[in-house]
Protein backbone atom coordinates (compact mmCIF):
# COMPACT_ATOMS: atom_id res chain seq x y z
CA MET A 1 89.60 113.45 141.02
CA LYS A 2 91.50 110.42 142.29
CA ALA A 3 88.27 108.36 142.29
CA MET A 4 87.62 109.38 138.67
CA MET A 5 91.12 108.28 137.61
CA VAL A 6 90.67 104.90 139.35
CA ALA A 7 87.27 104.44 137.67
CA LEU A 8 88.79 105.31 134.28
CA ALA A 9 91.64 102.84 134.80
CA LEU A 10 89.18 100.10 135.78
CA ALA A 11 86.98 100.81 132.75
CA LEU A 12 90.00 100.65 130.44
CA ALA A 13 91.15 97.38 131.98
CA ALA A 14 87.68 95.88 131.56
CA SER A 15 87.41 96.98 127.93
CA THR A 16 90.73 95.44 126.94
CA SER A 17 90.17 92.25 128.92
CA ALA A 18 87.79 90.92 126.28
CA VAL A 19 90.64 91.04 123.77
CA SER A 20 93.49 89.86 125.95
CA ALA A 21 91.63 87.30 128.09
CA GLN A 22 92.52 83.74 127.20
CA PRO A 23 91.34 81.57 125.71
CA LEU A 24 89.47 83.26 122.90
CA ARG A 25 86.88 81.25 121.01
CA TRP A 26 87.76 81.29 117.31
CA THR A 27 85.29 80.46 114.54
CA ARG A 28 85.91 79.96 110.83
CA TYR A 29 83.47 82.16 108.89
CA THR A 30 82.96 81.27 105.22
CA ILE A 31 80.99 83.12 102.57
CA PRO A 32 79.37 80.23 100.66
CA GLN A 33 78.93 82.14 97.38
CA THR A 34 82.64 83.04 97.06
CA GLY A 35 84.64 80.68 99.26
CA THR A 36 86.02 83.63 101.22
CA SER A 37 86.88 82.49 104.72
CA VAL A 38 88.62 83.83 107.80
CA ASP A 39 89.17 82.86 111.42
CA PHE A 40 87.61 85.42 113.76
CA PRO A 41 87.24 85.63 117.53
CA SER A 42 83.54 84.90 117.94
CA SER A 43 83.90 85.42 121.69
CA ILE A 44 84.74 89.09 120.96
CA PHE A 45 82.59 89.80 117.88
CA THR A 46 79.33 88.46 119.29
CA GLU A 47 76.77 90.58 117.43
CA GLU A 48 75.79 90.44 113.75
CA ALA A 49 75.72 93.98 112.35
CA GLY A 50 74.28 93.71 108.85
CA ARG A 51 75.67 92.93 105.44
CA PRO A 52 78.25 94.84 103.40
CA GLY A 53 78.10 95.43 99.66
CA GLY A 54 78.90 92.33 97.66
CA TYR A 55 78.86 89.23 99.84
CA GLY A 56 79.68 88.82 103.51
CA GLN A 57 78.79 89.75 107.05
CA ARG A 58 79.49 92.51 109.56
CA PHE A 59 80.03 91.79 113.25
CA ARG A 60 80.59 94.00 116.29
CA THR A 61 81.41 93.67 119.94
CA ALA A 62 78.48 93.65 122.38
CA ASP A 63 79.41 97.16 123.54
CA GLY A 64 79.91 98.45 119.98
CA ARG A 65 83.52 99.55 120.54
CA ALA A 66 84.92 97.40 117.71
CA ASP A 67 83.58 96.01 114.45
CA LEU A 68 84.59 93.51 111.79
CA THR A 69 83.54 93.09 108.18
CA ILE A 70 84.23 89.93 106.20
CA GLN A 71 83.51 90.66 102.57
CA ALA A 72 83.98 89.49 99.01
CA ALA A 73 83.27 91.64 95.98
CA PRO A 74 83.80 91.29 92.25
CA ASN A 75 86.95 92.77 90.78
CA LEU A 76 85.24 93.68 87.51
CA ALA A 77 88.21 95.59 86.11
CA ASN A 78 90.60 92.78 87.10
CA ASP A 79 92.68 95.36 88.97
CA SER A 80 95.92 94.48 90.69
CA PRO A 81 95.95 95.05 94.45
CA ALA A 82 97.85 98.32 93.92
CA ALA A 83 95.40 99.60 91.30
CA PHE A 84 92.36 98.51 93.33
CA LEU A 85 93.67 100.26 96.44
CA ALA A 86 94.47 103.44 94.48
CA LYS A 87 90.89 103.53 93.13
CA LYS A 88 89.59 103.49 96.72
CA HIS A 89 91.48 106.75 97.41
CA PRO A 90 92.91 105.76 100.80
CA PRO A 91 93.86 108.55 103.19
CA SER A 92 97.34 110.01 102.72
CA ARG A 93 98.40 109.34 106.31
CA ILE A 94 98.38 105.54 106.24
CA GLN A 95 100.55 104.22 109.09
CA TYR A 96 101.07 100.74 107.61
CA LYS A 97 100.90 99.72 103.98
CA ARG A 98 101.97 96.49 102.31
CA VAL A 99 101.07 95.78 98.70
CA THR A 100 102.04 92.61 96.84
CA PRO A 101 100.82 91.10 93.55
CA ARG A 102 98.29 88.99 95.54
CA PHE A 103 97.07 91.22 98.40
CA PHE A 104 97.24 94.55 100.18
CA ALA A 105 97.11 95.37 103.87
CA VAL A 106 96.69 98.92 105.14
CA SER A 107 96.13 100.43 108.56
CA SER A 108 95.94 103.79 110.22
CA TYR A 109 94.06 105.90 112.74
CA LYS A 110 90.73 107.65 112.34
CA GLY A 111 89.74 109.62 115.39
CA ASP A 112 90.07 107.36 118.42
CA LYS A 113 89.99 104.15 116.33
CA VAL A 114 92.50 102.03 114.49
CA TRP A 115 91.31 100.65 111.17
CA TYR A 116 92.91 97.71 109.41
CA ASP A 117 91.99 96.39 105.95
CA ARG A 118 93.42 93.36 104.19
CA CYS A 119 92.23 92.23 100.79
CA ASN A 120 93.39 89.11 98.94
CA PHE A 121 92.90 88.82 95.19
CA SER A 122 91.90 85.69 93.26
CA GLU A 123 90.59 85.47 89.73
CA ARG A 124 87.76 88.04 89.61
CA LEU A 125 87.10 88.41 93.35
CA VAL A 126 88.53 90.50 96.15
CA HIS A 127 88.34 88.82 99.59
CA CYS A 128 88.60 91.29 102.49
CA VAL A 129 88.65 91.57 106.24
CA LEU A 130 88.14 95.06 107.69
CA ILE A 131 88.55 95.73 111.42
CA ASN A 132 87.99 98.88 113.50
CA TYR A 133 88.91 98.98 117.19
CA PRO A 134 89.85 101.50 119.91
CA ALA A 135 93.32 103.01 119.45
CA GLU A 136 93.88 102.86 123.22
CA GLU A 137 93.62 99.05 122.95
CA GLU A 138 95.96 98.73 119.96
CA GLN A 139 98.56 96.50 121.61
CA ALA A 140 95.89 94.16 122.98
CA TRP A 141 94.45 93.74 119.46
CA ASP A 142 97.76 93.03 117.67
CA ASP A 143 97.65 89.22 117.90
CA VAL A 144 93.93 89.08 117.08
CA VAL A 145 94.33 91.23 113.97
CA THR A 146 97.39 89.26 112.85
CA ARG A 147 95.60 85.91 113.13
CA MET A 148 92.55 87.17 111.24
CA SER A 149 94.71 88.72 108.54
CA LEU A 150 96.86 85.64 107.99
CA SER A 151 93.85 83.29 107.97
CA LEU A 152 92.01 85.16 105.20
CA SER A 153 91.58 83.05 102.09
CA GLY A 154 89.35 82.77 99.04
CA LYS A 155 88.93 80.89 95.81
């Protein structure tokens, strides 16, 4: 039993070290069609994982424990951030929610993951960054998520 606990502790330490190890390599990803751009840790999200609806790219960690979507989509109804978010029918148990006239940011738990979505609004486009990562690593991800969120921009 003691050996299993030590192995579990070592596995947890190894899984969070990719997030907390310094220095991280940051890359600016830009969607050419929309001007959406965001800084993301390319030393963590090393694998391309397909394309979302609209424009953009999905990435994931090599071990698949976390994923990132950088996306832009038309806002055909010209919804405000509050109206757009309401139409997406977010879960009722959101842990963090900030809505302004120019963006929304929401986060909560789903199973053993934390999800975080931020969408900025400009003219007829919605520019988003969506991140899912292990809840047990939440503190280690805080600075990474904050930097990505604050770097999100679009035309």
